[in-house]
Protein backbone atom coordinates (compact mmCIF):
# COMPACT_ATOMS: atom_id res chain seq x y z
CA UNK A 1 29.63 -9.70 -12.08
CA UNK A 2 31.73 -7.86 -14.35
CA UNK A 3 30.31 -4.36 -14.61
CA UNK A 4 29.13 -3.30 -18.13
CA UNK A 5 27.64 0.04 -17.16
CA UNK A 6 29.31 3.05 -19.07
CA UNK A 7 32.00 4.74 -17.95
CA UNK A 8 30.46 7.75 -17.05
CA UNK A 9 28.52 5.93 -14.63
CA UNK A 10 31.81 4.92 -13.01
CA UNK A 11 32.92 8.59 -13.42
CA UNK A 12 29.64 9.95 -11.32
CA UNK A 13 30.32 7.02 -8.91
CA UNK A 14 33.85 8.21 -8.01
CA UNK A 15 32.44 11.66 -7.77
CA UNK A 16 29.86 10.69 -5.04
CA UNK A 17 32.64 8.88 -3.05
CA UNK A 18 34.71 12.23 -3.49
CA UNK A 19 31.66 14.46 -1.92
CA UNK A 20 31.05 11.63 0.82
CA UNK A 21 33.89 12.09 2.43
CA UNK A 22 34.01 15.74 2.76
CA UNK A 23 33.82 16.37 6.62
CA UNK A 24 30.91 18.51 7.04
CA UNK A 25 31.50 19.93 9.97
CA UNK A 26 34.60 22.07 8.54
CA UNK A 27 32.33 23.69 5.90
CA UNK A 28 30.75 26.64 6.98
CA UNK A 29 26.76 27.67 7.30
CA UNK A 30 26.87 28.93 3.89
CA UNK A 31 28.70 26.27 2.22
CA UNK A 32 26.57 23.46 3.77
CA UNK A 33 23.30 24.96 3.25
CA UNK A 34 24.30 25.81 -0.59
CA UNK A 35 25.61 22.16 -1.07
CA UNK A 36 22.90 20.81 -0.01
CA UNK A 37 20.42 22.62 -2.21
CA UNK A 38 22.95 21.65 -5.27
CA UNK A 39 22.81 18.04 -4.13
CA UNK A 40 18.57 18.15 -3.97
CA UNK A 41 19.02 19.49 -7.65
CA UNK A 42 21.71 16.94 -8.67
CA UNK A 43 19.18 14.49 -6.74
CA UNK A 44 16.26 15.13 -9.46
CA UNK A 45 18.42 15.27 -12.20
CA UNK A 46 19.51 12.09 -11.28
CA UNK A 47 16.06 10.74 -10.81
CA UNK A 48 15.28 12.27 -14.08
CA UNK A 49 18.21 10.30 -15.83
CA UNK A 50 16.85 7.15 -14.10
CA UNK A 51 13.44 7.42 -15.55
CA UNK A 52 14.85 7.77 -18.92
CA UNK A 53 16.44 5.12 -18.56
CA UNK A 54 14.03 2.96 -16.88
CA UNK A 55 11.38 3.85 -19.92
CA UNK A 56 14.26 2.75 -22.59
CA UNK A 57 14.97 -0.23 -20.73
CA UNK A 58 11.03 -1.15 -20.63
CA UNK A 59 10.27 -0.58 -23.84
CA UNK A 60 13.54 -2.97 -25.25
CA UNK A 61 12.60 -5.52 -22.51
CA UNK A 62 16.02 -5.30 -21.07
CA UNK A 63 15.21 -6.69 -18.19
CA UNK A 64 13.34 -9.67 -19.22
CA UNK A 65 16.16 -10.69 -21.20
CA UNK A 66 18.62 -9.99 -19.08
CA UNK A 67 17.21 -11.18 -15.83
CA UNK A 68 14.02 -12.96 -16.98
CA UNK A 69 12.00 -10.04 -14.99
CA UNK A 70 9.42 -6.85 -16.24
CA UNK A 71 11.37 -4.06 -15.72
CA UNK A 72 8.88 -3.42 -12.53
CA UNK A 73 9.42 -6.17 -10.64
CA UNK A 74 13.03 -6.17 -11.55
CA UNK A 75 13.30 -2.62 -9.14
CA UNK A 76 10.89 -4.99 -6.41
CA UNK A 77 12.78 -8.25 -6.63
CA UNK A 78 16.37 -7.10 -6.96
CA UNK A 79 16.60 -3.80 -5.65
CA UNK A 80 14.05 -4.11 -3.11
CA UNK A 81 11.78 -1.42 -4.17
CA UNK A 82 8.05 -1.26 -3.04
CA UNK A 83 5.35 -2.24 -5.22
CA UNK A 84 4.01 1.19 -4.91
CA UNK A 85 7.29 3.35 -5.53
CA UNK A 86 8.31 0.95 -8.25
CA UNK A 87 4.91 1.50 -9.90
CA UNK A 88 4.61 5.22 -10.03
CA UNK A 89 8.31 4.90 -10.99
CA UNK A 90 7.44 3.04 -14.27
CA UNK A 91 4.33 5.07 -14.55
CA UNK A 92 6.54 8.34 -15.27
CA UNK A 93 8.75 6.43 -17.41
CA UNK A 94 6.18 5.44 -20.11
CA UNK A 95 4.12 8.65 -19.83
CA UNK A 96 7.05 11.64 -19.26
CA UNK A 97 7.82 11.19 -23.40
CA UNK A 98 4.71 12.69 -24.25
CA UNK A 99 5.19 15.80 -22.18
CA UNK A 100 8.10 17.41 -23.57
CA UNK A 101 7.90 20.82 -21.58
CA UNK A 102 8.20 18.85 -18.26
CA UNK A 103 10.91 16.28 -19.45
CA UNK A 104 13.10 19.20 -19.86
CA UNK A 105 12.03 20.76 -16.52
CA UNK A 106 12.48 17.57 -14.71
CA UNK A 107 16.22 16.67 -16.73
CA UNK A 108 17.57 20.18 -15.27
CA UNK A 109 16.49 19.65 -11.64
CA UNK A 110 13.51 22.16 -11.48
CA UNK A 111 10.79 20.04 -10.92
CA UNK A 112 11.11 16.58 -8.72
CA UNK A 113 10.18 13.35 -9.46
CA UNK A 114 7.19 13.63 -7.08
CA UNK A 115 6.03 16.96 -8.55
CA UNK A 116 6.24 15.55 -11.89
CA UNK A 117 4.25 12.22 -11.19
CA UNK A 118 1.63 14.75 -10.01
CA UNK A 119 2.02 16.84 -13.33
CA UNK A 120 1.90 13.67 -15.38
CA UNK A 121 -1.50 12.89 -13.53
CA UNK A 122 -3.55 15.96 -14.25
CA UNK A 123 -2.17 16.16 -17.87
CA UNK A 124 -3.65 12.53 -18.76
CA UNK A 125 -6.97 13.54 -17.75
CA UNK A 126 -6.67 16.94 -19.48
CA UNK A 127 -8.09 17.90 -23.12
CA UNK A 128 -5.63 17.42 -25.94
CA UNK A 129 -6.48 20.88 -27.04
CA UNK A 130 -5.38 22.33 -23.89
CA UNK A 131 -3.18 19.95 -22.47
CA UNK A 132 0.18 21.88 -23.89
CA UNK A 133 -0.62 25.08 -22.23
CA UNK A 134 -1.62 23.28 -19.02
CA UNK A 135 1.43 21.52 -19.10
CA UNK A 136 3.61 24.38 -19.42
CA UNK A 137 1.59 26.31 -16.14
CA UNK A 138 1.94 23.02 -14.05
CA UNK A 139 5.44 23.22 -14.54
CA UNK A 140 5.76 26.85 -13.92
CA UNK A 141 3.62 26.38 -10.82
CA UNK A 142 6.08 23.69 -9.27
CA UNK A 143 8.63 26.04 -8.57
CA UNK A 144 7.01 27.46 -5.65
CA UNK A 145 4.28 24.48 -5.05
CA UNK A 146 5.04 21.21 -3.19
CA UNK A 147 3.57 18.12 -4.85
CA UNK A 148 0.43 18.53 -2.36
CA UNK A 149 -0.46 21.70 -3.22
CA UNK A 150 0.52 21.27 -6.75
CA UNK A 151 -1.78 18.66 -6.86
CA UNK A 152 -5.03 20.72 -5.52
CA UNK A 153 -3.74 23.18 -8.10
CA UNK A 154 -4.22 20.96 -11.24
CA UNK A 155 -8.45 20.85 -10.65
CA UNK A 156 -8.16 24.74 -10.31
CA UNK A 157 -6.11 25.55 -13.72
CA UNK A 158 -8.12 22.92 -15.61
CA UNK A 159 -11.37 24.67 -14.36
CA UNK A 160 -10.04 27.95 -15.10
CA UNK A 161 -9.16 27.10 -18.83
CA UNK A 162 -12.60 25.61 -19.38
CA UNK A 163 -11.25 22.01 -19.15
CA UNK A 164 -12.48 21.27 -15.53
CA UNK A 165 -14.28 18.01 -14.44
CA UNK A 166 -18.07 17.65 -13.32
CA UNK A 167 -18.24 15.64 -10.15
CA UNK A 168 -19.23 12.57 -11.50
CA UNK A 169 -16.19 12.60 -13.46
CA UNK A 170 -13.75 12.94 -10.53
CA UNK A 171 -16.01 10.73 -8.55
CA UNK A 172 -14.91 8.23 -11.30
CA UNK A 173 -11.30 9.00 -10.83
CA UNK A 174 -11.31 8.72 -7.20
CA UNK A 175 -13.03 5.01 -7.95
CA UNK A 176 -10.36 4.37 -10.40
CA UNK A 177 -7.64 5.23 -7.64
CA UNK A 178 -9.29 2.26 -5.44
CA UNK A 179 -7.02 -1.00 -4.44
CA UNK A 180 -5.25 -2.77 -1.44
CA UNK A 181 -2.23 -4.01 -1.02
CA UNK A 182 -1.42 -7.20 1.15
CA UNK A 183 2.34 -8.06 1.56
CA UNK A 184 4.74 -9.91 3.74
CA UNK A 185 7.64 -7.66 5.51
CA UNK A 186 11.40 -8.37 6.16
CA UNK A 187 10.20 -9.42 10.02
CA UNK A 188 7.69 -12.31 8.74
CA UNK A 189 4.28 -10.58 9.54
CA UNK A 190 2.04 -9.30 7.20
CA UNK A 191 1.11 -5.41 5.83
CA UNK A 192 -2.19 -4.03 5.02
CA UNK A 193 -2.69 -0.63 2.88
CA UNK A 194 -5.12 0.81 0.23
CA UNK A 195 -7.65 3.34 -0.42
CA UNK A 196 -11.15 2.19 -0.26
CA UNK A 197 -14.46 3.92 -1.72
CA UNK A 198 -16.91 5.35 0.21
CA UNK A 199 -19.01 2.45 0.35
CA UNK A 200 -16.71 -0.23 1.00
CA UNK A 201 -14.82 1.92 3.55
CA UNK A 202 -18.58 2.43 5.50
CA UNK A 203 -19.01 -1.70 5.56
CA UNK A 204 -15.21 -2.16 6.56
CA UNK A 205 -15.87 0.28 9.73
CA UNK A 206 -19.29 -1.32 10.70
CA UNK A 207 -17.88 -4.83 10.35
CA UNK A 208 -14.82 -3.92 12.38
CA UNK A 209 -16.67 -2.24 14.96
CA UNK A 210 -19.16 -5.30 15.06
CA UNK A 211 -16.44 -7.59 15.66
CA UNK A 212 -15.07 -5.95 18.47
CA UNK A 213 -12.77 -3.25 17.04
CA UNK A 214 -14.54 -0.19 18.90
CA UNK A 215 -14.48 0.51 22.61
CA UNK A 216 -12.10 -1.36 25.15
CA UNK A 217 -13.71 -4.40 25.98
CA UNK A 218 -13.31 -3.77 29.71
CA UNK A 219 -10.73 -2.63 31.88
CA UNK A 220 -8.52 -5.63 31.51
CA UNK A 221 -8.50 -4.60 27.58
CA UNK A 222 -5.42 -2.93 27.13
CA UNK A 223 -5.04 -3.09 23.55
CA UNK A 224 -4.81 -0.15 21.69
CA UNK A 225 -7.23 1.42 19.22
CA UNK A 226 -5.30 0.06 16.09
CA UNK A 227 -4.79 -3.13 17.45
CA UNK A 228 -8.32 -3.92 18.80
CA UNK A 229 -9.25 -3.34 14.47
CA UNK A 230 -6.27 -5.45 13.70
CA UNK A 231 -8.29 -8.41 15.80
CA UNK A 232 -11.37 -7.44 14.68
CA UNK A 233 -10.52 -7.96 10.91
CA UNK A 234 -9.24 -11.40 12.00
CA UNK A 235 -12.55 -12.10 13.15
CA UNK A 236 -14.32 -10.64 9.93
CA UNK A 237 -11.95 -12.66 7.40
CA UNK A 238 -12.60 -16.00 9.89
CA UNK A 239 -16.16 -15.44 9.52
CA UNK A 240 -16.20 -15.08 6.25
CA UNK A 241 -14.41 -18.27 5.63
CA UNK A 242 -16.48 -20.13 7.90
CA UNK A 243 -20.15 -19.01 6.81
CA UNK A 244 -19.57 -17.67 2.97
CA UNK A 245 -20.19 -20.01 -0.08
CA UNK A 246 -16.87 -18.74 -1.46
CA UNK A 247 -16.00 -20.37 -4.42
CA UNK A 248 -12.87 -22.74 -4.91
CA UNK A 249 -9.40 -21.46 -5.43
CA UNK A 250 -6.50 -23.75 -7.85
CA UNK A 251 -9.69 -26.33 -7.05
CA UNK A 252 -9.83 -26.32 -3.39
CA UNK A 253 -12.05 -24.06 -1.18
CA UNK A 254 -10.37 -21.45 0.56
CA UNK A 255 -9.31 -22.45 4.53
CA UNK A 256 -6.61 -21.49 6.73
CA UNK A 257 -3.53 -24.01 6.12
CA UNK A 258 -0.84 -24.50 8.65
CA UNK A 259 1.57 -27.23 8.01
CA UNK A 260 4.32 -29.11 9.70
CA UNK A 261 7.02 -31.64 8.75
CA UNK A 262 5.65 -35.44 8.60
CA UNK A 263 8.81 -36.42 10.16
CA UNK A 264 8.82 -33.74 12.51
CA UNK A 265 5.38 -34.76 13.79
CA UNK A 266 5.90 -38.51 13.97
CA UNK A 267 9.04 -38.25 16.08
CA UNK A 268 8.13 -35.53 19.05
CA UNK A 269 4.99 -35.01 21.22
CA UNK A 270 2.82 -32.12 20.33
CA UNK A 271 4.46 -30.27 23.94
CA UNK A 272 7.86 -30.85 22.39
CA UNK A 273 7.13 -29.95 18.71
CA UNK A 274 5.52 -26.59 20.11
CA UNK A 275 7.87 -25.80 22.04
CA UNK A 276 10.72 -26.01 19.21
CA UNK A 277 9.71 -25.84 16.09
CA UNK A 278 7.38 -22.96 14.36
CA UNK A 279 4.61 -23.72 11.77
CA UNK A 280 4.19 -21.93 8.63
CA UNK A 281 0.57 -20.67 7.24
CA UNK A 282 -0.48 -21.41 3.53
CA UNK A 283 1.16 -17.86 2.44
CA UNK A 284 4.62 -18.48 3.70
CA UNK A 285 4.42 -16.84 6.89
CA UNK A 286 6.06 -18.37 10.08
CA UNK A 287 3.41 -19.18 13.17
CA UNK A 288 4.48 -19.29 16.62
CA UNK A 289 3.51 -22.41 18.38
CA UNK A 290 1.66 -20.68 21.15
CA UNK A 291 -0.43 -18.83 18.28
CA UNK A 292 -0.51 -22.71 16.32
CA UNK A 293 -2.11 -24.34 19.59
CA UNK A 294 -4.56 -22.01 19.49
CA UNK A 295 -5.54 -22.39 15.73
CA UNK A 296 -5.80 -26.24 16.68
CA UNK A 297 -9.10 -25.57 18.67
CA UNK A 298 -10.35 -23.98 15.61
CA UNK A 299 -12.77 -26.43 13.36
CA UNK A 300 -10.83 -24.03 10.35
CA UNK A 301 -7.78 -25.20 10.85
CA UNK A 302 -6.57 -27.76 8.10
CA UNK A 303 -3.21 -29.50 9.76
CA UNK A 304 -1.20 -30.36 6.97
CA UNK A 305 1.68 -33.49 7.42
CA UNK A 306 2.47 -34.40 3.89
CA UNK A 307 3.20 -38.04 3.07
CA UNK A 308 6.13 -37.28 0.23
CA UNK A 309 6.20 -41.18 -0.96
CA UNK A 310 2.15 -41.59 -1.25
CA UNK A 311 1.70 -42.63 -4.67
CA UNK A 312 -1.44 -40.25 -5.20
CA UNK A 313 1.90 -37.90 -5.67
CA UNK A 314 2.59 -39.70 -8.93
CA UNK A 315 0.75 -40.12 -11.38
CA UNK A 316 2.88 -40.73 -14.31
CA UNK A 317 1.68 -40.47 -18.37
CA UNK A 318 -1.96 -41.80 -17.06
CA UNK A 319 -2.91 -38.06 -17.24
CA UNK A 320 -1.64 -34.65 -17.55
CA UNK A 321 -4.05 -32.94 -14.96
CA UNK A 322 -2.32 -32.35 -11.56
CA UNK A 323 -4.59 -34.18 -8.55
CA UNK A 324 -5.28 -32.12 -5.63
CA UNK A 325 -2.73 -34.39 -3.52
CA UNK A 326 0.22 -33.38 -5.87
CA UNK A 327 -0.88 -29.79 -6.10
CA UNK A 328 -1.48 -29.32 -2.23
CA UNK A 329 1.97 -31.25 -1.90
CA UNK A 330 3.80 -29.39 -4.05
CA UNK A 331 2.50 -25.84 -2.82
CA UNK A 332 3.76 -26.44 0.48
CA UNK A 333 7.30 -28.38 -0.60
CA UNK A 334 7.74 -24.58 -2.60
CA UNK A 335 6.52 -22.69 0.27
CA UNK A 336 3.60 -20.85 -1.91
CA UNK A 337 5.95 -19.01 -4.02
CA UNK A 338 7.09 -18.85 -7.61
CA UNK A 339 9.82 -20.70 -8.40
CA UNK A 340 11.98 -17.81 -9.94
CA UNK A 341 14.86 -16.81 -7.65
CA UNK A 342 13.20 -14.02 -5.70
CA UNK A 343 10.06 -13.62 -7.73
CA UNK A 344 7.66 -11.88 -5.18
CA UNK A 345 4.29 -12.60 -7.70
CA UNK A 346 2.09 -15.27 -6.35
CA UNK A 347 2.24 -18.45 -7.88
CA UNK A 348 -0.71 -18.84 -10.80
CA UNK A 349 0.37 -21.98 -12.39
CA UNK A 350 1.44 -25.77 -11.53
CA UNK A 351 4.08 -26.17 -14.62
CA UNK A 352 5.39 -29.70 -16.05
CA UNK A 353 8.97 -29.03 -15.51
CA UNK A 354 9.21 -31.71 -18.23
CA UNK A 355 6.53 -30.83 -20.45
CA UNK A 356 3.45 -33.29 -20.89
CA UNK A 357 4.21 -32.58 -24.86
CA UNK A 358 7.53 -33.83 -24.58
CA UNK A 359 7.11 -36.88 -22.56
CA UNK A 360 7.07 -34.80 -19.27
CA UNK A 361 5.60 -37.23 -16.22
CA UNK A 362 2.33 -35.57 -13.90
CA UNK A 363 4.70 -36.40 -10.96
CA UNK A 364 5.34 -34.27 -7.95
CA UNK A 365 9.42 -33.99 -8.72
CA UNK A 366 7.76 -32.61 -12.69
CA UNK A 367 5.96 -30.06 -10.92
CA UNK A 368 6.83 -26.20 -10.58
CA UNK A 369 4.62 -23.72 -9.18
CA UNK A 370 4.94 -20.45 -11.39
CA UNK A 371 3.94 -16.94 -11.67
CA UNK A 372 2.14 -16.30 -14.75
CA UNK A 373 4.75 -14.05 -16.04
CA UNK A 374 7.66 -16.71 -15.54
CA UNK A 375 5.08 -19.69 -16.68
CA UNK A 376 4.92 -17.72 -19.61
CA UNK A 377 9.02 -16.91 -19.79
CA UNK A 378 9.13 -20.94 -20.11
CA UNK A 379 6.86 -21.21 -22.99
CA UNK A 380 6.53 -18.44 -25.19
CA UNK A 381 9.86 -16.92 -23.69
CA UNK A 382 11.66 -19.12 -24.90
CA UNK A 383 13.50 -19.72 -21.43
CA UNK A 384 13.90 -23.37 -19.98
CA UNK A 385 13.40 -24.51 -16.48
CA UNK A 386 15.08 -27.99 -14.43
CA UNK A 387 15.82 -28.88 -11.42
CA UNK A 388 19.59 -29.92 -10.69
CA UNK A 389 21.11 -32.61 -8.08
CA UNK A 390 20.64 -30.14 -5.15
CA UNK A 391 16.63 -29.59 -6.09
CA UNK A 392 16.98 -26.55 -7.01
CA UNK A 393 15.06 -24.98 -9.42
CA UNK A 394 17.37 -23.60 -12.45
CA UNK A 395 16.10 -20.87 -15.19
CA UNK A 396 18.01 -21.02 -18.37
CA UNK A 397 17.99 -18.06 -20.88
CA UNK A 398 17.69 -18.33 -24.46
CA UNK A 399 21.57 -17.44 -24.26
CA UNK A 400 23.05 -20.05 -21.95
CA UNK A 401 23.02 -17.87 -18.45
CA UNK A 402 21.30 -19.37 -15.50
CA UNK A 403 19.06 -18.17 -12.93
CA UNK A 404 18.95 -20.38 -9.85
CA UNK A 405 19.04 -19.80 -6.22
CA UNK A 406 20.44 -22.15 -3.09
CA UNK A 407 17.77 -24.58 -2.59
CA UNK A 408 14.80 -23.54 -0.31
CA UNK A 409 12.12 -26.02 -0.66
CA UNK A 410 11.09 -28.20 1.85
CA UNK A 411 12.64 -32.03 0.94
CA UNK A 412 10.72 -34.76 1.21
CA UNK A 413 11.31 -36.36 4.77
């Protein structure tokens, strides 16, 4: 792809190449330390420029028209930023224009991106009538305060100016920061992180302890404390799925689903299959054969061997409503993922590739799982979706540019 970036960006890249080519071992201690200080300032200034550009791209929906993604998800899916990092960058990009003194200090490298984020959070909780005064004072404090200590100073500054919050307001702010992130990692395992409210933390602590996450169960228990808590959390989740009157999800009650290819199931014995092939959980994570065999002893396991030729997967024009068989088969085929290339959002809707209103059929081959954003994109957003001869999903923008990826979907047996 030919770059259309401004010439100044290319010059900046060339200057960086020149700096990278320097032999640091030839520099004096004074030159090395001064150089690092300058690089830190340049880093902050560059983040400020990035922030302004991200704000402009977000306002203009540039990444939507060019890449079929919102700006935040473009950072996540195209540039591999974490969700929290991308969210912090976009929050700063959207809020910074309202604070000119902070914007100027950020642009000159006097304030780092982390400090700017802390200051913006403090200013948003500050009454409008004193916001300008607080902004200037916090910018001044940034010269000597780390982001952590700057955050501690925010409430002190507000209190000194008569704009402090009482305990109930602070509690409300803390409650607003609650949240849990559950993601897949490149290593093929799950990642859990987040911030819990006091009552949820206490309930979770007690549940994990009751499920075996406390002291070792005996001298043979060589698990670390973190590993015991991990295993106990799995017990808590499994117990809920087994006993709670849980609501249905996408037409089905929640359950652990382990998927295996039908042809492989018919062609091999259980032992041979377990030794050669990994199973797949409904969320897309691979499952070692030993674990799959252990789960097979659990009544909550739903083994799935899809019969792709079943007539239940083709309803034609008899109805526009997807059957549960089609929903399950397409979910497995699409590997529990949105059809847009590298999309990290969870699928939300099963879409008729050829719209029902345009004569599309309610068949498996005409079904595509999409997240809510990309479902909007192929309707109100003016994009189109088709499947090519290699069974790839191909999205086409309004100007004719196509977005696809190599086949990754399971093929019918």
